Amino acid sequence: MKTVADIMTPAPIVAQVPGTRNDVINTMVRNKLTGLPVVRSSDGKLMGIVSRRDIFKNFNESQLSLIMKRDCITIEPLEPIAVAARIFSEKRIHRLPVVENNRLVGIITPTDILKEIKGMKTRMTAEDVINTTCVTAYEEDPLTYAVAAMRISDVAALPVLDAKGNLTGILTDRDLFSDQISDEDAAKKLGVEDSKLIGLRNVLPLFYTATESYYNNDKTVKDYMIPKPLTVFTKTTLNEVARLMLSNDFGQVPVRGTKDELIGMIYDVDVLRAITGALN
């Protein structure tokens, strides 16, 4: 089996402390990233990790040291990828710094392992790993309600149902800011300094935290959701789920039952159990 060193991104882009929220946001935007290891500027020691969701949760803080996660989980380069997969699925994290001799040498994400699962043979299906506890939205709900639900529940996507309980769409944090990311003034509120970078969708999906008043209107979930979302079924194999996630750049997909009813959501970290399960 491959090791972490075989699939990691070596010499990753990092944030530094001391530093600010805006420093991190601009680094993320320029490099199309959603999270970064944080090192100490004086000696390069790994100090923690920061993601867009950390910024979202602590948006009133400007200092990176008060936003980042300290004492982050790390892994060594010669560990089998199954060890990394188990950490991702059990801890439900999305970035794992790779450290050798106390030095940051790389980073690994669930996407790196999904690429391996896409081509493997597995009998495991969506129903083996599905997360049946998921937060949903009603298509006629005010958008302000959905924004609050996503923030409180700490989820990046909501399956959307109609009055009969049928799945009609999906609302993701990308959708919430896609039509205002071209607003240069709004971007500056978030610290995006280079106007040429505005329009980079899927870089910082929690953009709307900086322009919350934008959503104090009569728009509904239906106005922003993606209708007829891509879904998988309970019997869809995990390698097929991995293929769909990679080809569409999705971190989660709704799962349907035999009667097309919504069963729950499957996340990228759930799919990684295709590897850990094979070793049990």
C-alpha atoms as a PDB file:
ATOM      1  CA  MET A   1       0.000   0.000   0.000  1.00  0.00           C
ATOM      2  CA  LYS A   2       1.127   3.529  -0.736  1.00  0.00           C
ATOM      3  CA  THR A   3       2.458   5.743   2.006  1.00  0.00           C
ATOM      4  CA  VAL A   4       1.563   9.310   2.886  1.00  0.00           C
ATOM      5  CA  ALA A   5       4.767  10.459   1.168  1.00  0.00           C
ATOM      6  CA  ASP A   6       3.518   9.000  -2.117  1.00  0.00           C
ATOM      7  CA  ILE A   7       0.403  11.162  -2.276  1.00  0.00           C
ATOM      8  CA  MET A   8       1.085  14.230  -0.116  1.00  0.00           C
ATOM      9  CA  THR A   9       1.635  17.758  -1.412  1.00  0.00           C
ATOM     10  CA  PRO A  10       5.263  18.510  -0.491  1.00  0.00           C
ATOM     11  CA  ALA A  11       6.457  21.903   0.784  1.00  0.00           C
ATOM     12  CA  PRO A  12       2.918  23.245   1.227  1.00  0.00           C
ATOM     13  CA  ILE A  13       1.960  26.905   1.189  1.00  0.00           C
ATOM     14  CA  VAL A  14       1.705  28.106   4.780  1.00  0.00           C
ATOM     15  CA  ALA A  15       0.422  30.960   6.905  1.00  0.00           C
ATOM     16  CA  GLN A  16       2.691  32.504   9.512  1.00  0.00           C
ATOM     17  CA  VAL A  17       2.313  33.763  13.044  1.00  0.00           C
ATOM     18  CA  PRO A  18       2.352  36.507  13.917  1.00  0.00           C
ATOM     19  CA  GLY A  19      -0.156  37.237  11.177  1.00  0.00           C
ATOM     20  CA  THR A  20      -3.699  38.407  10.561  1.00  0.00           C
ATOM     21  CA  ARG A  21      -6.984  37.049   9.281  1.00  0.00           C
ATOM     22  CA  ASN A  22      -6.639  39.141   6.132  1.00  0.00           C
ATOM     23  CA  ASP A  23      -3.164  37.745   5.480  1.00  0.00           C
ATOM     24  CA  VAL A  24      -4.631  34.253   5.511  1.00  0.00           C
ATOM     25  CA  ILE A  25      -7.620  35.144   3.358  1.00  0.00           C
ATOM     26  CA  ASN A  26      -5.430  36.708   0.687  1.00  0.00           C
ATOM     27  CA  THR A  27      -3.111  33.697   0.679  1.00  0.00           C
ATOM     28  CA  MET A  28      -6.100  31.372   0.318  1.00  0.00           C
ATOM     29  CA  VAL A  29      -7.569  33.410  -2.521  1.00  0.00           C
ATOM     30  CA  ARG A  30      -4.324  33.760  -4.446  1.00  0.00           C
ATOM     31  CA  ASN A  31      -3.605  30.048  -4.228  1.00  0.00           C
ATOM     32  CA  LYS A  32      -7.185  28.721  -4.452  1.00  0.00           C
ATOM     33  CA  LEU A  33      -6.918  27.028  -1.065  1.00  0.00           C
ATOM     34  CA  THR A  34      -9.409  26.578   1.750  1.00  0.00           C
ATOM     35  CA  GLY A  35      -6.969  25.879   4.564  1.00  0.00           C
ATOM     36  CA  LEU A  36      -3.312  26.275   5.492  1.00  0.00           C
ATOM     37  CA  PRO A  37      -0.774  24.948   7.994  1.00  0.00           C
ATOM     38  CA  VAL A  38       0.441  27.708  10.294  1.00  0.00           C
ATOM     39  CA  VAL A  39       4.134  28.010  11.132  1.00  0.00           C
ATOM     40  CA  ARG A  40       6.108  30.325  13.375  1.00  0.00           C
ATOM     41  CA  SER A  41       7.839  32.978  11.287  1.00  0.00           C
ATOM     42  CA  SER A  42      11.023  32.906  13.368  1.00  0.00           C
ATOM     43  CA  ASP A  43      11.902  29.234  12.852  1.00  0.00           C
ATOM     44  CA  GLY A  44       9.232  27.571  10.699  1.00  0.00           C
ATOM     45  CA  LYS A  45       7.908  25.405  13.544  1.00  0.00           C
ATOM     46  CA  LEU A  46       4.379  24.048  12.944  1.00  0.00           C
ATOM     47  CA  MET A  47       2.044  25.919  15.267  1.00  0.00           C
ATOM     48  CA  GLY A  48      -1.389  24.833  14.051  1.00  0.00           C
ATOM     49  CA  ILE A  49      -3.746  24.899  11.106  1.00  0.00           C
ATOM     50  CA  VAL A  50      -6.370  27.347   9.863  1.00  0.00           C
ATOM     51  CA  SER A  51      -9.324  26.809   7.542  1.00  0.00           C
ATOM     52  CA  ARG A  52     -12.065  28.938   6.040  1.00  0.00           C
ATOM     53  CA  ARG A  53     -14.450  27.524   8.639  1.00  0.00           C
ATOM     54  CA  ASP A  54     -12.160  28.678  11.451  1.00  0.00           C
ATOM     55  CA  ILE A  55     -12.364  32.171   9.968  1.00  0.00           C
ATOM     56  CA  PHE A  56     -16.136  31.832   9.744  1.00  0.00           C
ATOM     57  CA  LYS A  57     -16.459  30.849  13.395  1.00  0.00           C
ATOM     58  CA  ASN A  58     -14.120  33.592  14.614  1.00  0.00           C
ATOM     59  CA  PHE A  59     -14.788  36.364  12.153  1.00  0.00           C
ATOM     60  CA  ASN A  60     -14.600  39.074  14.798  1.00  0.00           C
ATOM     61  CA  GLU A  61     -10.991  38.121  15.516  1.00  0.00           C
ATOM     62  CA  SER A  62      -8.274  39.696  13.405  1.00  0.00           C
ATOM     63  CA  GLN A  63      -5.192  37.921  14.783  1.00  0.00           C
ATOM     64  CA  LEU A  64      -4.370  34.557  13.249  1.00  0.00           C
ATOM     65  CA  SER A  65      -3.159  33.185  16.589  1.00  0.00           C
ATOM     66  CA  LEU A  66      -6.703  33.583  17.952  1.00  0.00           C
ATOM     67  CA  ILE A  67      -8.353  31.960  14.919  1.00  0.00           C
ATOM     68  CA  MET A  68      -6.202  28.934  14.110  1.00  0.00           C
ATOM     69  CA  LYS A  69      -6.479  25.486  15.637  1.00  0.00           C
ATOM     70  CA  ARG A  70      -3.521  24.723  17.881  1.00  0.00           C
ATOM     71  CA  ASP A  71      -2.084  21.287  18.633  1.00  0.00           C
ATOM     72  CA  CYS A  72      -3.331  19.927  15.310  1.00  0.00           C
ATOM     73  CA  ILE A  73      -3.091  16.248  14.478  1.00  0.00           C
ATOM     74  CA  THR A  74      -0.079  15.358  12.321  1.00  0.00           C
ATOM     75  CA  ILE A  75       1.207  12.291  10.494  1.00  0.00           C
ATOM     76  CA  GLU A  76       4.625  11.062   9.369  1.00  0.00           C
ATOM     77  CA  PRO A  77       5.449  10.554   5.679  1.00  0.00           C
ATOM     78  CA  LEU A  78       6.095   6.815   5.875  1.00  0.00           C
ATOM     79  CA  GLU A  79       2.735   5.960   7.427  1.00  0.00           C
ATOM     80  CA  PRO A  80       0.402   3.933   5.166  1.00  0.00           C
ATOM     81  CA  ILE A  81      -2.388   5.987   3.616  1.00  0.00           C
ATOM     82  CA  ALA A  82      -4.840   3.776   5.521  1.00  0.00           C
ATOM     83  CA  VAL A  83      -3.652   5.430   8.731  1.00  0.00           C
ATOM     84  CA  ALA A  84      -4.376   8.862   7.256  1.00  0.00           C
ATOM     85  CA  ALA A  85      -7.777   7.663   6.015  1.00  0.00           C
ATOM     86  CA  ARG A  86      -8.678   6.447   9.497  1.00  0.00           C
ATOM     87  CA  ILE A  87      -7.693   9.779  11.046  1.00  0.00           C
ATOM     88  CA  PHE A  88      -9.781  11.706   8.520  1.00  0.00           C
ATOM     89  CA  SER A  89     -12.861   9.520   8.950  1.00  0.00           C
ATOM     90  CA  GLU A  90     -12.698   9.325  12.754  1.00  0.00           C
ATOM     91  CA  LYS A  91     -11.745  12.944  13.455  1.00  0.00           C
ATOM     92  CA  ARG A  92     -13.684  14.346  10.464  1.00  0.00           C
ATOM     93  CA  ILE A  93     -10.930  16.787   9.610  1.00  0.00           C
ATOM     94  CA  HIS A  94      -9.845  17.839   6.129  1.00  0.00           C
ATOM     95  CA  ARG A  95      -6.162  18.699   6.434  1.00  0.00           C
ATOM     96  CA  LEU A  96      -3.386  16.613   7.894  1.00  0.00           C
ATOM     97  CA  PRO A  97       0.089  18.179   8.112  1.00  0.00           C
ATOM     98  CA  VAL A  98       2.929  15.771   7.368  1.00  0.00           C
ATOM     99  CA  VAL A  99       5.824  16.154   9.773  1.00  0.00           C
ATOM    100  CA  GLU A 100       9.293  14.589   9.781  1.00  0.00           C
ATOM    101  CA  ASN A 101      11.802  15.283  12.554  1.00  0.00           C
ATOM    102  CA  ASN A 102       9.490  18.009  13.869  1.00  0.00           C
ATOM    103  CA  ARG A 103       9.589  19.748  10.485  1.00  0.00           C
ATOM    104  CA  LEU A 104       6.615  20.332   8.192  1.00  0.00           C
ATOM    105  CA  VAL A 105       7.319  18.504   4.929  1.00  0.00           C
ATOM    106  CA  GLY A 106       3.878  18.236   3.335  1.00  0.00           C
ATOM    107  CA  ILE A 107       0.135  18.115   3.708  1.00  0.00           C
ATOM    108  CA  ILE A 108      -2.514  15.550   2.833  1.00  0.00           C
ATOM    109  CA  THR A 109      -6.260  15.984   2.310  1.00  0.00           C
ATOM    110  CA  PRO A 110      -9.185  13.593   1.769  1.00  0.00           C
ATOM    111  CA  THR A 111      -9.048  14.420  -1.942  1.00  0.00           C
ATOM    112  CA  ASP A 112      -5.590  12.851  -2.151  1.00  0.00           C
ATOM    113  CA  ILE A 113      -7.010   9.569  -0.865  1.00  0.00           C
ATOM    114  CA  LEU A 114     -10.200   9.785  -2.943  1.00  0.00           C
ATOM    115  CA  LYS A 115      -7.945   9.642  -6.007  1.00  0.00           C
ATOM    116  CA  GLU A 116      -6.698   6.263  -4.799  1.00  0.00           C
ATOM    117  CA  ILE A 117     -10.191   4.971  -3.992  1.00  0.00           C
ATOM    118  CA  LYS A 118     -11.539   5.965  -7.413  1.00  0.00           C
ATOM    119  CA  GLY A 119      -9.534   3.227  -9.082  1.00  0.00           C
ATOM    120  CA  MET A 120      -9.764   0.506  -6.442  1.00  0.00           C
ATOM    121  CA  LYS A 121     -12.202  -2.382  -6.270  1.00  0.00           C
ATOM    122  CA  THR A 122     -14.445  -2.355  -3.232  1.00  0.00           C
ATOM    123  CA  ARG A 123     -17.719  -3.954  -2.239  1.00  0.00           C
ATOM    124  CA  MET A 124     -18.449  -1.203   0.227  1.00  0.00           C
ATOM    125  CA  THR A 125     -21.376   1.009  -0.729  1.00  0.00           C
ATOM    126  CA  ALA A 126     -22.828   4.338   0.359  1.00  0.00           C
ATOM    127  CA  GLU A 127     -25.164   2.669   2.843  1.00  0.00           C
ATOM    128  CA  ASP A 128     -22.156   1.195   4.683  1.00  0.00           C
ATOM    129  CA  VAL A 129     -20.838   4.635   5.615  1.00  0.00           C
ATOM    130  CA  ILE A 130     -23.723   7.070   5.147  1.00  0.00           C
ATOM    131  CA  ASN A 131     -24.288   9.836   7.647  1.00  0.00           C
ATOM    132  CA  THR A 132     -28.045   9.680   8.151  1.00  0.00           C
ATOM    133  CA  THR A 133     -28.068  12.614  10.555  1.00  0.00           C
ATOM    134  CA  CYS A 134     -28.133  15.615   8.265  1.00  0.00           C
ATOM    135  CA  VAL A 135     -29.590  19.104   8.400  1.00  0.00           C
ATOM    136  CA  THR A 136     -32.131  19.888   5.676  1.00  0.00           C
ATOM    137  CA  ALA A 137     -33.791  23.057   4.434  1.00  0.00           C
ATOM    138  CA  TYR A 138     -37.260  23.734   3.036  1.00  0.00           C
ATOM    139  CA  GLU A 139     -37.137  25.384  -0.369  1.00  0.00           C
ATOM    140  CA  GLU A 140     -39.437  28.236   0.740  1.00  0.00           C
ATOM    141  CA  ASP A 141     -37.440  28.992   3.901  1.00  0.00           C
ATOM    142  CA  PRO A 142     -36.039  32.526   4.109  1.00  0.00           C
ATOM    143  CA  LEU A 143     -32.382  32.470   3.133  1.00  0.00           C
ATOM    144  CA  THR A 144     -31.497  34.132   6.432  1.00  0.00           C
ATOM    145  CA  TYR A 145     -32.805  31.036   8.231  1.00  0.00           C
ATOM    146  CA  ALA A 146     -30.668  28.711   6.104  1.00  0.00           C
ATOM    147  CA  VAL A 147     -27.559  30.819   6.713  1.00  0.00           C
ATOM    148  CA  ALA A 148     -28.149  30.597  10.461  1.00  0.00           C
ATOM    149  CA  ALA A 149     -28.791  26.842  10.254  1.00  0.00           C
ATOM    150  CA  MET A 150     -25.522  26.273   8.423  1.00  0.00           C
ATOM    151  CA  ARG A 151     -23.593  28.359  10.918  1.00  0.00           C
ATOM    152  CA  ILE A 152     -25.136  26.720  14.004  1.00  0.00           C
ATOM    153  CA  SER A 153     -24.887  23.188  12.610  1.00  0.00           C
ATOM    154  CA  ASP A 154     -21.386  23.760  11.202  1.00  0.00           C
ATOM    155  CA  VAL A 155     -22.252  22.201   7.845  1.00  0.00           C
ATOM    156  CA  ALA A 156     -21.266  23.329   4.366  1.00  0.00           C
ATOM    157  CA  ALA A 157     -24.343  22.017   2.540  1.00  0.00           C
ATOM    158  CA  LEU A 158     -28.064  21.518   3.110  1.00  0.00           C
ATOM    159  CA  PRO A 159     -30.249  19.126   1.079  1.00  0.00           C
ATOM    160  CA  VAL A 160     -33.389  21.067   0.102  1.00  0.00           C
ATOM    161  CA  LEU A 161     -36.854  19.522   0.305  1.00  0.00           C
ATOM    162  CA  ASP A 162     -40.232  20.607  -1.046  1.00  0.00           C
ATOM    163  CA  ALA A 163     -43.542  20.562   0.845  1.00  0.00           C
ATOM    164  CA  LYS A 164     -43.920  16.834   0.145  1.00  0.00           C
ATOM    165  CA  GLY A 165     -40.485  15.986   1.473  1.00  0.00           C
ATOM    166  CA  ASN A 166     -38.982  15.379  -1.957  1.00  0.00           C
ATOM    167  CA  LEU A 167     -35.371  16.327  -2.614  1.00  0.00           C
ATOM    168  CA  THR A 168     -35.440  19.279  -5.005  1.00  0.00           C
ATOM    169  CA  GLY A 169     -32.026  20.848  -4.587  1.00  0.00           C
ATOM    170  CA  ILE A 170     -28.944  21.432  -2.512  1.00  0.00           C
ATOM    171  CA  LEU A 171     -27.690  24.638  -0.946  1.00  0.00           C
ATOM    172  CA  THR A 172     -23.972  24.953  -0.357  1.00  0.00           C
ATOM    173  CA  ASP A 173     -21.866  27.704   1.122  1.00  0.00           C
ATOM    174  CA  ARG A 174     -20.514  28.270  -2.398  1.00  0.00           C
ATOM    175  CA  ASP A 175     -23.984  29.189  -3.623  1.00  0.00           C
ATOM    176  CA  LEU A 176     -24.418  31.798  -0.902  1.00  0.00           C
ATOM    177  CA  PHE A 177     -21.699  34.036  -2.223  1.00  0.00           C
ATOM    178  CA  SER A 178     -21.450  33.179  -5.908  1.00  0.00           C
ATOM    179  CA  ASP A 179     -23.446  36.165  -7.111  1.00  0.00           C
ATOM    180  CA  GLN A 180     -21.823  38.751  -4.846  1.00  0.00           C
ATOM    181  CA  ILE A 181     -18.176  37.743  -5.180  1.00  0.00           C
ATOM    182  CA  SER A 182     -17.929  40.238  -8.058  1.00  0.00           C
ATOM    183  CA  ASP A 183     -18.728  43.060  -5.623  1.00  0.00           C
ATOM    184  CA  GLU A 184     -15.332  44.711  -5.107  1.00  0.00           C
ATOM    185  CA  ASP A 185     -16.436  46.623  -2.015  1.00  0.00           C
ATOM    186  CA  ALA A 186     -17.749  43.435  -0.409  1.00  0.00           C
ATOM    187  CA  ALA A 187     -14.531  41.625  -1.238  1.00  0.00           C
ATOM    188  CA  LYS A 188     -12.488  44.324   0.440  1.00  0.00           C
ATOM    189  CA  LYS A 189     -14.487  43.834   3.628  1.00  0.00           C
ATOM    190  CA  LEU A 190     -13.142  40.311   3.673  1.00  0.00           C
ATOM    191  CA  GLY A 191      -9.580  41.454   3.059  1.00  0.00           C
ATOM    192  CA  VAL A 192      -9.296  40.466  -0.608  1.00  0.00           C
ATOM    193  CA  GLU A 193      -6.965  43.208  -1.805  1.00  0.00           C
ATOM    194  CA  ASP A 194      -6.409  42.290  -5.447  1.00  0.00           C
ATOM    195  CA  SER A 195      -9.501  43.093  -7.517  1.00  0.00           C
ATOM    196  CA  LYS A 196      -8.249  40.731 -10.236  1.00  0.00           C
ATOM    197  CA  LEU A 197      -8.899  37.848  -7.844  1.00  0.00           C
ATOM    198  CA  ILE A 198     -12.579  38.676  -7.460  1.00  0.00           C
ATOM    199  CA  GLY A 199     -14.660  36.050  -9.195  1.00  0.00           C
ATOM    200  CA  LEU A 200     -12.602  33.085  -7.998  1.00  0.00           C
ATOM    201  CA  ARG A 201     -15.558  30.955  -6.996  1.00  0.00           C
ATOM    202  CA  ASN A 202     -14.981  28.031  -4.655  1.00  0.00           C
ATOM    203  CA  VAL A 203     -12.062  29.736  -2.915  1.00  0.00           C
ATOM    204  CA  LEU A 204     -13.650  31.065   0.253  1.00  0.00           C
ATOM    205  CA  PRO A 205     -17.238  29.785   0.412  1.00  0.00           C
ATOM    206  CA  LEU A 206     -17.887  31.578   3.683  1.00  0.00           C
ATOM    207  CA  PHE A 207     -17.597  34.953   2.029  1.00  0.00           C
ATOM    208  CA  TYR A 208     -21.061  35.938   3.128  1.00  0.00           C
ATOM    209  CA  THR A 209     -19.964  36.295   6.745  1.00  0.00           C
ATOM    210  CA  ALA A 210     -18.459  39.651   5.825  1.00  0.00           C
ATOM    211  CA  THR A 211     -21.584  40.907   4.082  1.00  0.00           C
ATOM    212  CA  GLU A 212     -24.318  39.444   6.248  1.00  0.00           C
ATOM    213  CA  SER A 213     -26.695  42.332   5.584  1.00  0.00           C
ATOM    214  CA  TYR A 214     -26.826  41.250   1.953  1.00  0.00           C
ATOM    215  CA  TYR A 215     -29.128  38.437   2.986  1.00  0.00           C
ATOM    216  CA  ASN A 216     -31.557  40.493   5.030  1.00  0.00           C
ATOM    217  CA  ASN A 217     -34.104  40.480   2.219  1.00  0.00           C
ATOM    218  CA  ASP A 218     -37.007  38.386   0.991  1.00  0.00           C
ATOM    219  CA  LYS A 219     -34.951  35.823  -0.913  1.00  0.00           C
ATOM    220  CA  THR A 220     -35.605  32.167  -0.215  1.00  0.00           C
ATOM    221  CA  VAL A 221     -33.549  29.003  -0.297  1.00  0.00           C
ATOM    222  CA  LYS A 222     -35.051  28.225  -3.698  1.00  0.00           C
ATOM    223  CA  ASP A 223     -33.467  31.375  -5.127  1.00  0.00           C
ATOM    224  CA  TYR A 224     -29.963  30.133  -4.308  1.00  0.00           C
ATOM    225  CA  MET A 225     -30.080  26.333  -4.319  1.00  0.00           C
ATOM    226  CA  ILE A 226     -28.780  24.112  -7.106  1.00  0.00           C
ATOM    227  CA  PRO A 227     -31.878  22.319  -8.450  1.00  0.00           C
ATOM    228  CA  LYS A 228     -31.883  18.620  -9.299  1.00  0.00           C
ATOM    229  CA  PRO A 229     -28.575  17.931  -7.544  1.00  0.00           C
ATOM    230  CA  LEU A 230     -26.292  15.053  -8.364  1.00  0.00           C
ATOM    231  CA  THR A 231     -27.080  12.170  -5.998  1.00  0.00           C
ATOM    232  CA  VAL A 232     -25.993   8.613  -5.332  1.00  0.00           C
ATOM    233  CA  PHE A 233     -27.982   5.628  -4.127  1.00  0.00           C
ATOM    234  CA  THR A 234     -27.486   3.454  -1.079  1.00  0.00           C
ATOM    235  CA  LYS A 235     -26.003   0.691  -3.251  1.00  0.00           C
ATOM    236  CA  THR A 236     -23.572   2.953  -5.110  1.00  0.00           C
ATOM    237  CA  THR A 237     -20.046   1.648  -4.528  1.00  0.00           C
ATOM    238  CA  LEU A 238     -17.594   3.898  -2.737  1.00  0.00           C
ATOM    239  CA  ASN A 239     -15.176   3.961  -5.654  1.00  0.00           C
ATOM    240  CA  GLU A 240     -17.995   5.340  -7.803  1.00  0.00           C
ATOM    241  CA  VAL A 241     -18.845   7.910  -5.118  1.00  0.00           C
ATOM    242  CA  ALA A 242     -15.172   8.923  -5.054  1.00  0.00           C
ATOM    243  CA  ARG A 243     -15.181   9.299  -8.850  1.00  0.00           C
ATOM    244  CA  LEU A 244     -18.258  11.534  -8.772  1.00  0.00           C
ATOM    245  CA  MET A 245     -16.873  13.701  -5.984  1.00  0.00           C
ATOM    246  CA  LEU A 246     -13.570  14.192  -7.767  1.00  0.00           C
ATOM    247  CA  SER A 247     -15.040  14.917 -11.187  1.00  0.00           C
ATOM    248  CA  ASN A 248     -17.500  17.463  -9.767  1.00  0.00           C
ATOM    249  CA  ASP A 249     -15.339  18.905  -6.979  1.00  0.00           C
ATOM    250  CA  PHE A 250     -17.909  17.937  -4.344  1.00  0.00           C
ATOM    251  CA  GLY A 251     -17.193  17.309  -0.683  1.00  0.00           C
ATOM    252  CA  GLN A 252     -20.608  15.794  -0.042  1.00  0.00           C
ATOM    253  CA  VAL A 253     -23.446  14.178  -2.012  1.00  0.00           C
ATOM    254  CA  PRO A 254     -27.081  13.418  -1.022  1.00  0.00           C
ATOM    255  CA  VAL A 255     -27.974   9.720  -0.855  1.00  0.00           C
ATOM    256  CA  ARG A 256     -31.310   8.360  -2.100  1.00  0.00           C
ATOM    257  CA  GLY A 257     -33.130   5.177  -1.165  1.00  0.00           C
ATOM    258  CA  THR A 258     -34.929   2.675  -3.400  1.00  0.00           C
ATOM    259  CA  LYS A 259     -37.945   4.996  -3.683  1.00  0.00           C
ATOM    260  CA  ASP A 260     -35.815   8.051  -4.501  1.00  0.00           C
ATOM    261  CA  GLU A 261     -36.319   9.366  -0.980  1.00  0.00           C
ATOM    262  CA  LEU A 262     -33.537  11.265   0.777  1.00  0.00           C
ATOM    263  CA  ILE A 263     -31.693   8.953   3.154  1.00  0.00           C
ATOM    264  CA  GLY A 264     -28.872  11.232   4.229  1.00  0.00           C
ATOM    265  CA  MET A 265     -25.558  12.691   3.094  1.00  0.00           C
ATOM    266  CA  ILE A 266     -22.249  11.041   2.328  1.00  0.00           C
ATOM    267  CA  TYR A 267     -19.110  13.100   2.866  1.00  0.00           C
ATOM    268  CA  ASP A 268     -15.616  12.707   1.479  1.00  0.00           C
ATOM    269  CA  VAL A 269     -14.304  11.599   4.880  1.00  0.00           C
ATOM    270  CA  ASP A 270     -16.958   8.857   4.956  1.00  0.00           C
ATOM    271  CA  VAL A 271     -15.825   7.505   1.589  1.00  0.00           C
ATOM    272  CA  LEU A 272     -12.297   7.055   2.950  1.00  0.00           C
ATOM    273  CA  ARG A 273     -13.560   4.079   4.907  1.00  0.00           C
ATOM    274  CA  ALA A 274     -13.258   2.135   1.660  1.00  0.00           C
ATOM    275  CA  ILE A 275      -9.597   1.852   2.597  1.00  0.00           C
ATOM    276  CA  THR A 276      -9.840   1.455   6.344  1.00  0.00           C
ATOM    277  CA  GLY A 277     -12.684  -1.044   6.024  1.00  0.00           C
ATOM    278  CA  ALA A 278     -10.650  -3.175   3.658  1.00  0.00           C
ATOM    279  CA  LEU A 279      -8.066  -3.671   6.389  1.00  0.00           C
ATOM    280  CA  ASN A 280     -10.469  -4.748   9.141  1.00  0.00           C
END
